[in-house]
Amino acid sequence: MLIINKLEHLQTDSLAHFGFNGFKTNTIMKIERQVDKAHMIINLEPEKLAKTYVKEWQVSEGALNFFNEVIKLDLSFGAYLDQELVGIIICNEIKWNNSLWIENIRVSSAHRGMGIGKALMDHVIHLATLKNFRLIGLETQNTNYPAIEFYKKHNFVIDGVDFSHYPSISGRSGDIAVFMKYHLL
């Protein structure tokens, strides 16, 4: 049985058994902008890729320290199956604009597609409603189309993009940050 509990602390070995930390996709969100002296038009549309795009990253010590500071706010949760941590959602309170920010959501590779991400998201939406947050926000990348679609299924809408959030890598343009929001009020 799946149980959602508050996270107390994360260690490197807490996440080591989660497996592949990243995504694979055959579709990205293509984002283009047209700018003149008085206007900017931004166009977003799914684009099929000729080959699968794979992105993987490691959780750094700095990221782990940041997550543990955020976890102290008691707004982050773990999903447990038979007392094994199989999913996390780490949330941060942004007091000045009364919003809850999802810093990270992750489900172990072996447990994806079982509704664990949905359970974590539903839990946070319920919590944010009870605590009268104005909205829930998050950031992903235009290349992480599976995440964009997951968030859309949970009634998040694309609320903005940032073309310079990520650095260029090896001469190619970097990912484009996609900001999504779930409006509560």
N, C-alpha and C. Protein backbone atom coordinates (compact mmCIF):
# COMPACT_ATOMS: atom_id res chain seq x y z
N MET A 1 0.84 -1.18 0.00
CA MET A 1 0.00 0.00 0.00
C MET A 1 0.89 1.25 0.00
N LEU A 2 0.52 2.22 -0.81
CA LEU A 2 1.28 3.47 -0.90
C LEU A 2 0.92 4.39 0.25
N ILE A 3 1.95 4.91 0.91
CA ILE A 3 1.76 5.85 2.02
C ILE A 3 2.56 7.11 1.71
N ILE A 4 1.93 8.28 1.88
CA ILE A 4 2.61 9.57 1.71
C ILE A 4 2.87 10.14 3.10
N ASN A 5 4.14 10.39 3.41
CA ASN A 5 4.53 10.97 4.70
C ASN A 5 5.45 12.15 4.45
N LYS A 6 5.55 13.02 5.47
CA LYS A 6 6.50 14.13 5.38
C LYS A 6 7.91 13.58 5.30
N LEU A 7 8.71 14.23 4.47
CA LEU A 7 10.14 13.90 4.40
C LEU A 7 10.83 14.54 5.58
N GLU A 8 11.77 13.84 6.17
CA GLU A 8 12.53 14.38 7.29
C GLU A 8 13.91 14.83 6.85
N HIS A 9 14.54 14.04 5.98
CA HIS A 9 15.92 14.31 5.56
C HIS A 9 16.24 13.40 4.39
N LEU A 10 17.04 13.88 3.45
CA LEU A 10 17.50 13.06 2.33
C LEU A 10 19.01 12.88 2.42
N GLN A 11 19.45 11.69 2.11
CA GLN A 11 20.88 11.41 2.00
C GLN A 11 21.13 10.86 0.60
N THR A 12 22.38 10.89 0.18
CA THR A 12 22.72 10.39 -1.14
C THR A 12 22.20 8.97 -1.32
N ASP A 13 22.36 8.13 -0.29
CA ASP A 13 21.90 6.74 -0.42
C ASP A 13 20.38 6.64 -0.41
N SER A 14 19.67 7.69 0.08
CA SER A 14 18.21 7.70 0.02
C SER A 14 17.74 7.67 -1.42
N LEU A 15 18.51 8.30 -2.31
CA LEU A 15 18.13 8.41 -3.71
C LEU A 15 18.89 7.44 -4.62
N ALA A 16 19.92 6.79 -4.10
CA ALA A 16 20.76 5.93 -4.93
C ALA A 16 19.97 4.81 -5.60
N HIS A 17 19.00 4.26 -4.89
CA HIS A 17 18.22 3.15 -5.45
C HIS A 17 17.11 3.63 -6.40
N PHE A 18 16.99 4.93 -6.60
CA PHE A 18 15.96 5.47 -7.50
C PHE A 18 16.28 5.19 -8.97
N GLY A 19 17.51 4.85 -9.27
CA GLY A 19 17.88 4.53 -10.64
C GLY A 19 18.04 5.76 -11.52
N PHE A 20 17.68 5.63 -12.78
CA PHE A 20 17.85 6.67 -13.79
C PHE A 20 17.23 7.98 -13.33
N ASN A 21 18.05 9.03 -13.24
CA ASN A 21 17.59 10.36 -12.83
C ASN A 21 17.62 11.25 -14.06
N GLY A 22 16.52 11.28 -14.75
CA GLY A 22 16.44 12.06 -15.96
C GLY A 22 15.20 11.70 -16.73
N PHE A 23 15.27 11.91 -18.04
CA PHE A 23 14.13 11.60 -18.88
C PHE A 23 14.58 11.22 -20.28
N LYS A 24 13.69 10.53 -20.98
CA LYS A 24 13.88 10.17 -22.38
C LYS A 24 12.61 10.60 -23.10
N THR A 25 12.77 11.19 -24.28
CA THR A 25 11.60 11.65 -25.02
C THR A 25 11.84 11.67 -26.51
N ASN A 26 10.77 11.49 -27.25
CA ASN A 26 10.80 11.62 -28.71
C ASN A 26 10.14 12.91 -29.15
N THR A 27 9.71 13.72 -28.17
CA THR A 27 9.05 15.00 -28.44
C THR A 27 9.62 16.04 -27.49
N ILE A 28 9.79 17.25 -27.97
CA ILE A 28 10.16 18.38 -27.12
C ILE A 28 9.15 19.50 -27.35
N MET A 29 9.16 20.49 -26.50
CA MET A 29 8.35 21.69 -26.71
C MET A 29 9.24 22.69 -27.44
N LYS A 30 8.99 22.88 -28.72
CA LYS A 30 9.75 23.84 -29.51
C LYS A 30 9.25 25.24 -29.14
N ILE A 31 10.19 26.11 -28.78
CA ILE A 31 9.83 27.47 -28.36
C ILE A 31 10.62 28.45 -29.21
N GLU A 32 9.89 29.31 -29.89
CA GLU A 32 10.52 30.33 -30.73
C GLU A 32 9.96 31.69 -30.35
N ARG A 33 10.80 32.71 -30.55
CA ARG A 33 10.34 34.07 -30.29
C ARG A 33 10.67 34.96 -31.48
N GLN A 34 9.77 35.89 -31.72
CA GLN A 34 9.97 36.92 -32.74
C GLN A 34 9.92 38.25 -32.01
N VAL A 35 10.93 39.08 -32.25
CA VAL A 35 11.03 40.34 -31.53
C VAL A 35 11.23 41.47 -32.53
N ASP A 36 10.46 42.54 -32.32
CA ASP A 36 10.75 43.79 -33.03
C ASP A 36 10.78 44.89 -31.97
N LYS A 37 10.82 46.14 -32.38
CA LYS A 37 10.97 47.24 -31.41
C LYS A 37 9.81 47.35 -30.42
N ALA A 38 8.62 46.92 -30.81
CA ALA A 38 7.46 47.12 -29.96
C ALA A 38 6.79 45.83 -29.49
N HIS A 39 7.20 44.67 -30.02
CA HIS A 39 6.49 43.43 -29.72
C HIS A 39 7.43 42.25 -29.55
N MET A 40 6.93 41.28 -28.81
CA MET A 40 7.58 39.99 -28.75
C MET A 40 6.48 38.94 -28.82
N ILE A 41 6.63 38.01 -29.74
CA ILE A 41 5.69 36.90 -29.88
C ILE A 41 6.45 35.62 -29.57
N ILE A 42 5.89 34.83 -28.68
CA ILE A 42 6.49 33.55 -28.31
C ILE A 42 5.55 32.45 -28.77
N ASN A 43 6.09 31.51 -29.51
CA ASN A 43 5.30 30.39 -30.02
C ASN A 43 5.81 29.09 -29.41
N LEU A 44 4.90 28.30 -28.87
CA LEU A 44 5.25 27.01 -28.29
C LEU A 44 4.45 25.94 -29.01
N GLU A 45 5.15 24.90 -29.45
CA GLU A 45 4.44 23.78 -30.05
C GLU A 45 5.28 22.52 -29.94
N PRO A 46 4.62 21.38 -29.74
CA PRO A 46 5.36 20.12 -29.67
C PRO A 46 6.06 19.84 -30.99
N GLU A 47 7.25 19.27 -30.89
CA GLU A 47 8.01 18.90 -32.08
C GLU A 47 8.53 17.48 -31.92
N LYS A 48 8.19 16.62 -32.87
CA LYS A 48 8.70 15.24 -32.87
C LYS A 48 10.18 15.26 -33.25
N LEU A 49 10.95 14.42 -32.61
CA LEU A 49 12.38 14.33 -32.87
C LEU A 49 12.69 13.11 -33.73
N ALA A 50 13.74 13.19 -34.51
CA ALA A 50 14.17 12.08 -35.35
C ALA A 50 14.72 10.93 -34.49
N LYS A 51 15.36 11.28 -33.36
CA LYS A 51 15.86 10.24 -32.46
C LYS A 51 15.55 10.63 -31.02
N THR A 52 15.57 9.66 -30.16
CA THR A 52 15.24 9.87 -28.75
C THR A 52 16.24 10.79 -28.08
N TYR A 53 15.72 11.78 -27.37
CA TYR A 53 16.55 12.71 -26.59
C TYR A 53 16.62 12.15 -25.16
N VAL A 54 17.83 12.02 -24.64
CA VAL A 54 18.04 11.49 -23.30
C VAL A 54 18.80 12.52 -22.49
N LYS A 55 18.30 12.79 -21.30
CA LYS A 55 19.00 13.71 -20.40
C LYS A 55 19.04 13.06 -19.02
N GLU A 56 20.23 13.00 -18.45
CA GLU A 56 20.40 12.43 -17.12
C GLU A 56 21.31 13.35 -16.32
N TRP A 57 21.07 13.43 -15.03
CA TRP A 57 21.93 14.24 -14.17
C TRP A 57 22.05 13.57 -12.81
N GLN A 58 23.11 13.95 -12.12
CA GLN A 58 23.38 13.44 -10.78
C GLN A 58 22.96 14.49 -9.76
N VAL A 59 22.52 14.05 -8.62
CA VAL A 59 22.18 14.97 -7.54
C VAL A 59 23.49 15.35 -6.85
N SER A 60 23.86 16.61 -6.94
CA SER A 60 25.11 17.08 -6.36
C SER A 60 24.95 17.26 -4.85
N GLU A 61 26.09 17.38 -4.18
CA GLU A 61 26.05 17.62 -2.74
C GLU A 61 25.38 18.96 -2.44
N GLY A 62 25.63 19.97 -3.30
CA GLY A 62 24.99 21.27 -3.13
C GLY A 62 23.48 21.18 -3.26
N ALA A 63 23.00 20.41 -4.24
CA ALA A 63 21.56 20.24 -4.43
C ALA A 63 20.96 19.50 -3.24
N LEU A 64 21.65 18.47 -2.77
CA LEU A 64 21.17 17.71 -1.62
C LEU A 64 21.08 18.60 -0.38
N ASN A 65 22.08 19.45 -0.17
CA ASN A 65 22.04 20.38 0.96
C ASN A 65 20.87 21.35 0.83
N PHE A 66 20.64 21.87 -0.38
CA PHE A 66 19.50 22.76 -0.62
C PHE A 66 18.19 22.04 -0.33
N PHE A 67 18.03 20.82 -0.87
CA PHE A 67 16.80 20.07 -0.64
C PHE A 67 16.56 19.87 0.85
N ASN A 68 17.61 19.55 1.60
CA ASN A 68 17.45 19.31 3.04
C ASN A 68 17.07 20.58 3.79
N GLU A 69 17.55 21.73 3.35
CA GLU A 69 17.11 22.99 3.96
C GLU A 69 15.63 23.24 3.68
N VAL A 70 15.20 22.96 2.46
CA VAL A 70 13.79 23.15 2.08
C VAL A 70 12.91 22.15 2.82
N ILE A 71 13.38 20.92 2.99
CA ILE A 71 12.61 19.88 3.68
C ILE A 71 12.26 20.31 5.11
N LYS A 72 13.12 21.12 5.73
CA LYS A 72 12.87 21.60 7.09
C LYS A 72 11.58 22.43 7.20
N LEU A 73 11.06 22.92 6.06
CA LEU A 73 9.82 23.72 6.07
C LEU A 73 8.57 22.86 6.27
N ASP A 74 8.73 21.53 6.26
CA ASP A 74 7.62 20.58 6.44
C ASP A 74 6.58 20.66 5.32
N LEU A 75 7.02 20.95 4.11
CA LEU A 75 6.13 20.99 2.95
C LEU A 75 6.55 19.98 1.88
N SER A 76 7.43 19.05 2.25
CA SER A 76 7.96 18.06 1.32
C SER A 76 7.56 16.66 1.79
N PHE A 77 7.35 15.77 0.80
CA PHE A 77 6.79 14.46 1.14
C PHE A 77 7.49 13.35 0.40
N GLY A 78 7.42 12.16 1.01
CA GLY A 78 7.93 10.96 0.39
C GLY A 78 6.79 9.98 0.18
N ALA A 79 6.90 9.20 -0.88
CA ALA A 79 5.95 8.12 -1.14
C ALA A 79 6.66 6.82 -0.76
N TYR A 80 5.98 6.00 0.04
CA TYR A 80 6.58 4.77 0.55
C TYR A 80 5.71 3.58 0.18
N LEU A 81 6.37 2.55 -0.35
CA LEU A 81 5.74 1.26 -0.61
C LEU A 81 6.46 0.25 0.27
N ASP A 82 5.72 -0.39 1.17
CA ASP A 82 6.33 -1.34 2.11
C ASP A 82 7.54 -0.73 2.81
N GLN A 83 7.40 0.49 3.27
CA GLN A 83 8.41 1.25 4.00
C GLN A 83 9.63 1.64 3.16
N GLU A 84 9.59 1.41 1.85
CA GLU A 84 10.68 1.80 0.96
C GLU A 84 10.32 3.14 0.30
N LEU A 85 11.24 4.10 0.37
CA LEU A 85 11.04 5.39 -0.29
C LEU A 85 11.11 5.19 -1.80
N VAL A 86 10.00 5.50 -2.51
CA VAL A 86 9.96 5.28 -3.96
C VAL A 86 9.64 6.56 -4.73
N GLY A 87 9.36 7.64 -4.00
CA GLY A 87 9.07 8.91 -4.66
C GLY A 87 9.22 10.06 -3.69
N ILE A 88 9.56 11.24 -4.23
CA ILE A 88 9.70 12.44 -3.40
C ILE A 88 9.09 13.62 -4.13
N ILE A 89 8.61 14.57 -3.34
CA ILE A 89 8.24 15.88 -3.87
C ILE A 89 8.73 16.90 -2.84
N ILE A 90 9.59 17.78 -3.29
CA ILE A 90 10.22 18.76 -2.40
C ILE A 90 9.65 20.14 -2.74
N CYS A 91 9.03 20.76 -1.75
CA CYS A 91 8.33 22.02 -1.96
C CYS A 91 8.86 23.11 -1.05
N ASN A 92 8.90 24.31 -1.59
CA ASN A 92 9.42 25.48 -0.91
C ASN A 92 8.33 26.54 -0.85
N GLU A 93 8.24 27.22 0.27
CA GLU A 93 7.28 28.32 0.40
C GLU A 93 7.93 29.62 -0.02
N ILE A 94 7.27 30.35 -0.91
CA ILE A 94 7.71 31.68 -1.31
C ILE A 94 6.73 32.65 -0.63
N LYS A 95 7.15 33.19 0.51
CA LYS A 95 6.22 33.97 1.34
C LYS A 95 5.78 35.28 0.70
N TRP A 96 6.69 35.97 0.01
CA TRP A 96 6.36 37.31 -0.47
C TRP A 96 5.21 37.28 -1.49
N ASN A 97 5.01 36.15 -2.19
CA ASN A 97 3.88 36.11 -3.12
C ASN A 97 2.92 34.96 -2.83
N ASN A 98 3.02 34.42 -1.62
CA ASN A 98 2.10 33.39 -1.13
C ASN A 98 1.97 32.23 -2.11
N SER A 99 3.12 31.69 -2.52
CA SER A 99 3.09 30.56 -3.44
C SER A 99 3.91 29.40 -2.90
N LEU A 100 3.57 28.23 -3.38
CA LEU A 100 4.30 27.02 -3.06
C LEU A 100 5.06 26.62 -4.32
N TRP A 101 6.35 26.39 -4.21
CA TRP A 101 7.19 26.10 -5.37
C TRP A 101 7.68 24.67 -5.29
N ILE A 102 7.41 23.89 -6.32
CA ILE A 102 7.91 22.52 -6.38
C ILE A 102 9.35 22.57 -6.88
N GLU A 103 10.27 22.23 -6.01
CA GLU A 103 11.69 22.26 -6.33
C GLU A 103 12.13 20.98 -7.03
N ASN A 104 11.48 19.86 -6.68
CA ASN A 104 11.85 18.59 -7.28
C ASN A 104 10.73 17.58 -7.05
N ILE A 105 10.47 16.78 -8.06
CA ILE A 105 9.58 15.63 -7.92
C ILE A 105 10.27 14.49 -8.66
N ARG A 106 10.28 13.35 -8.02
CA ARG A 106 10.99 12.22 -8.62
C ARG A 106 10.40 10.92 -8.12
N VAL A 107 10.28 9.96 -9.03
CA VAL A 107 9.82 8.62 -8.70
C VAL A 107 10.89 7.65 -9.17
N SER A 108 11.16 6.63 -8.37
CA SER A 108 12.19 5.66 -8.75
C SER A 108 11.84 5.01 -10.09
N SER A 109 12.86 4.69 -10.85
CA SER A 109 12.67 4.10 -12.18
C SER A 109 11.78 2.86 -12.13
N ALA A 110 11.98 2.02 -11.13
CA ALA A 110 11.24 0.76 -11.03
C ALA A 110 9.76 0.97 -10.71
N HIS A 111 9.39 2.18 -10.25
CA HIS A 111 8.01 2.41 -9.81
C HIS A 111 7.27 3.45 -10.65
N ARG A 112 7.86 3.86 -11.76
CA ARG A 112 7.19 4.82 -12.63
C ARG A 112 6.00 4.17 -13.32
N GLY A 113 4.99 4.99 -13.58
CA GLY A 113 3.79 4.49 -14.25
C GLY A 113 2.81 3.80 -13.32
N MET A 114 3.04 3.90 -12.01
CA MET A 114 2.17 3.25 -11.02
C MET A 114 1.29 4.25 -10.29
N GLY A 115 1.31 5.53 -10.70
CA GLY A 115 0.47 6.54 -10.06
C GLY A 115 1.11 7.20 -8.85
N ILE A 116 2.39 6.96 -8.62
CA ILE A 116 3.06 7.52 -7.45
C ILE A 116 3.27 9.03 -7.62
N GLY A 117 3.70 9.46 -8.81
CA GLY A 117 3.84 10.90 -9.07
C GLY A 117 2.51 11.61 -8.92
N LYS A 118 1.44 10.99 -9.41
CA LYS A 118 0.09 11.56 -9.27
C LYS A 118 -0.29 11.68 -7.80
N ALA A 119 -0.03 10.65 -7.02
CA ALA A 119 -0.36 10.67 -5.59
C ALA A 119 0.39 11.79 -4.88
N LEU A 120 1.68 11.95 -5.20
CA LEU A 120 2.46 13.03 -4.59
C LEU A 120 1.92 14.39 -4.99
N MET A 121 1.62 14.56 -6.28
CA MET A 121 1.10 15.84 -6.76
C MET A 121 -0.26 16.15 -6.14
N ASP A 122 -1.14 15.16 -6.09
CA ASP A 122 -2.46 15.37 -5.48
C ASP A 122 -2.33 15.76 -4.01
N HIS A 123 -1.38 15.14 -3.33
CA HIS A 123 -1.15 15.45 -1.91
C HIS A 123 -0.72 16.91 -1.73
N VAL A 124 0.19 17.36 -2.58
CA VAL A 124 0.69 18.74 -2.48
C VAL A 124 -0.40 19.74 -2.87
N ILE A 125 -1.19 19.43 -3.87
CA ILE A 125 -2.29 20.33 -4.26
C ILE A 125 -3.28 20.46 -3.11
N HIS A 126 -3.59 19.35 -2.48
CA HIS A 126 -4.50 19.38 -1.33
C HIS A 126 -3.90 20.22 -0.18
N LEU A 127 -2.63 20.00 0.12
CA LEU A 127 -1.95 20.76 1.17
C LEU A 127 -1.95 22.25 0.85
N ALA A 128 -1.63 22.61 -0.38
CA ALA A 128 -1.58 24.02 -0.78
C ALA A 128 -2.96 24.67 -0.66
N THR A 129 -3.99 23.92 -0.96
CA THR A 129 -5.36 24.42 -0.81
C THR A 129 -5.68 24.67 0.66
N LEU A 130 -5.35 23.72 1.52
CA LEU A 130 -5.60 23.86 2.96
C LEU A 130 -4.84 25.04 3.57
N LYS A 131 -3.63 25.28 3.07
CA LYS A 131 -2.80 26.36 3.61
C LYS A 131 -3.03 27.70 2.92
N ASN A 132 -4.03 27.74 2.04
CA ASN A 132 -4.42 28.97 1.35
C ASN A 132 -3.31 29.61 0.53
N PHE A 133 -2.48 28.78 -0.10
CA PHE A 133 -1.50 29.33 -1.03
C PHE A 133 -2.24 29.87 -2.25
N ARG A 134 -1.70 30.88 -2.86
CA ARG A 134 -2.28 31.50 -4.05
C ARG A 134 -2.09 30.63 -5.28
N LEU A 135 -0.93 29.99 -5.37
CA LEU A 135 -0.63 29.13 -6.52
C LEU A 135 0.50 28.19 -6.17
N ILE A 136 0.64 27.18 -7.02
CA ILE A 136 1.79 26.27 -6.97
C ILE A 136 2.57 26.51 -8.26
N GLY A 137 3.87 26.71 -8.14
CA GLY A 137 4.70 26.96 -9.31
C GLY A 137 5.81 25.94 -9.42
N LEU A 138 6.34 25.82 -10.62
CA LEU A 138 7.47 24.94 -10.85
C LEU A 138 8.15 25.35 -12.14
N GLU A 139 9.34 24.84 -12.34
CA GLU A 139 10.11 25.10 -13.56
C GLU A 139 10.59 23.77 -14.10
N THR A 140 10.48 23.62 -15.41
CA THR A 140 11.03 22.47 -16.10
C THR A 140 11.71 22.97 -17.38
N GLN A 141 12.12 22.07 -18.22
CA GLN A 141 12.78 22.48 -19.45
C GLN A 141 11.91 22.11 -20.65
N ASN A 142 12.09 22.87 -21.72
CA ASN A 142 11.32 22.59 -22.94
C ASN A 142 11.61 21.20 -23.50
N THR A 143 12.77 20.66 -23.19
CA THR A 143 13.12 19.32 -23.67
C THR A 143 12.46 18.23 -22.83
N ASN A 144 11.98 18.57 -21.64
CA ASN A 144 11.35 17.57 -20.77
C ASN A 144 9.84 17.53 -21.04
N TYR A 145 9.52 17.14 -22.26
CA TYR A 145 8.12 17.08 -22.68
C TYR A 145 7.28 16.14 -21.81
N PRO A 146 7.82 14.98 -21.39
CA PRO A 146 7.02 14.12 -20.50
C PRO A 146 6.60 14.85 -19.21
N ALA A 147 7.49 15.66 -18.64
CA ALA A 147 7.14 16.41 -17.43
C ALA A 147 6.08 17.46 -17.73
N ILE A 148 6.23 18.17 -18.85
CA ILE A 148 5.23 19.18 -19.22
C ILE A 148 3.85 18.55 -19.33
N GLU A 149 3.77 17.40 -19.99
CA GLU A 149 2.49 16.71 -20.14
C GLU A 149 1.96 16.22 -18.80
N PHE A 150 2.85 15.72 -17.92
CA PHE A 150 2.44 15.29 -16.58
C PHE A 150 1.82 16.45 -15.82
N TYR A 151 2.49 17.60 -15.85
CA TYR A 151 1.97 18.76 -15.12
C TYR A 151 0.65 19.25 -15.72
N LYS A 152 0.54 19.23 -17.05
CA LYS A 152 -0.72 19.63 -17.68
C LYS A 152 -1.87 18.73 -17.22
N LYS A 153 -1.61 17.44 -17.06
CA LYS A 153 -2.65 16.51 -16.58
C LYS A 153 -3.13 16.89 -15.18
N HIS A 154 -2.30 17.61 -14.46
CA HIS A 154 -2.65 18.06 -13.11
C HIS A 154 -3.10 19.52 -13.09
N ASN A 155 -3.51 20.02 -14.24
CA ASN A 155 -4.07 21.36 -14.40
C ASN A 155 -3.07 22.49 -14.20
N PHE A 156 -1.80 22.21 -14.40
CA PHE A 156 -0.81 23.27 -14.46
C PHE A 156 -0.85 23.86 -15.87
N VAL A 157 -0.61 25.15 -15.96
CA VAL A 157 -0.57 25.81 -17.26
C VAL A 157 0.81 26.46 -17.43
N ILE A 158 1.24 26.54 -18.68
CA ILE A 158 2.50 27.23 -18.95
C ILE A 158 2.26 28.71 -18.73
N ASP A 159 3.08 29.31 -17.89
CA ASP A 159 2.88 30.70 -17.47
C ASP A 159 4.02 31.61 -17.90
N GLY A 160 5.10 31.02 -18.41
CA GLY A 160 6.22 31.84 -18.85
C GLY A 160 7.38 30.98 -19.30
N VAL A 161 8.31 31.60 -19.99
CA VAL A 161 9.53 30.93 -20.42
C VAL A 161 10.71 31.86 -20.15
N ASP A 162 11.88 31.29 -20.03
CA ASP A 162 13.10 32.07 -19.83
C ASP A 162 14.16 31.49 -20.75
N PHE A 163 14.52 32.27 -21.77
CA PHE A 163 15.47 31.81 -22.78
C PHE A 163 16.91 31.78 -22.28
N SER A 164 17.22 32.47 -21.20
CA SER A 164 18.60 32.54 -20.75
C SER A 164 18.81 31.91 -19.37
N HIS A 165 17.84 31.17 -18.88
CA HIS A 165 17.94 30.53 -17.57
C HIS A 165 19.07 29.51 -17.53
N TYR A 166 19.22 28.77 -18.62
CA TYR A 166 20.25 27.74 -18.72
C TYR A 166 21.36 28.20 -19.66
N PRO A 167 22.59 27.86 -19.34
CA PRO A 167 23.70 28.27 -20.22
C PRO A 167 23.74 27.44 -21.49
N SER A 168 24.35 28.01 -22.53
CA SER A 168 24.60 27.25 -23.75
C SER A 168 25.64 26.18 -23.47
N ILE A 169 25.50 25.07 -24.15
CA ILE A 169 26.40 23.94 -23.92
C ILE A 169 27.08 23.58 -25.23
N SER A 170 28.40 23.59 -25.25
CA SER A 170 29.19 23.18 -26.42
C SER A 170 28.71 23.80 -27.72
N GLY A 171 28.43 25.07 -27.70
CA GLY A 171 28.06 25.77 -28.91
C GLY A 171 26.60 25.64 -29.31
N ARG A 172 25.85 24.74 -28.69
CA ARG A 172 24.43 24.64 -29.00
C ARG A 172 23.66 25.43 -27.94
N SER A 173 22.50 25.91 -28.33
CA SER A 173 21.73 26.68 -27.36
C SER A 173 21.28 25.76 -26.23
N GLY A 174 21.21 26.29 -25.04
CA GLY A 174 20.80 25.52 -23.88
C GLY A 174 19.30 25.29 -23.87
N ASP A 175 18.86 24.51 -22.90
CA ASP A 175 17.43 24.30 -22.71
C ASP A 175 16.75 25.62 -22.41
N ILE A 176 15.48 25.68 -22.67
CA ILE A 176 14.67 26.85 -22.34
C ILE A 176 13.83 26.50 -21.12
N ALA A 177 13.88 27.34 -20.11
CA ALA A 177 13.10 27.11 -18.90
C ALA A 177 11.63 27.38 -19.18
N VAL A 178 10.80 26.46 -18.73
CA VAL A 178 9.35 26.58 -18.87
C VAL A 178 8.78 26.65 -17.46
N PHE A 179 8.09 27.75 -17.16
CA PHE A 179 7.49 27.94 -15.85
C PHE A 179 6.00 27.61 -15.94
N MET A 180 5.56 26.76 -15.03
CA MET A 180 4.17 26.31 -15.03
C MET A 180 3.55 26.63 -13.68
N LYS A 181 2.26 26.92 -13.70
CA LYS A 181 1.56 27.29 -12.47
C LYS A 181 0.22 26.56 -12.36
N TYR A 182 -0.13 26.30 -11.12
CA TYR A 182 -1.45 25.77 -10.76
C TYR A 182 -2.08 26.85 -9.90
N HIS A 183 -3.09 27.50 -10.41
CA HIS A 183 -3.71 28.62 -9.70
C HIS A 183 -4.78 28.10 -8.73
N LEU A 184 -4.63 28.46 -7.47
CA LEU A 184 -5.55 28.00 -6.44
C LEU A 184 -6.63 29.03 -6.12
N LEU A 185 -6.33 30.31 -6.21
CA LEU A 185 -7.31 31.34 -5.85
C LEU A 185 -7.82 32.05 -7.08
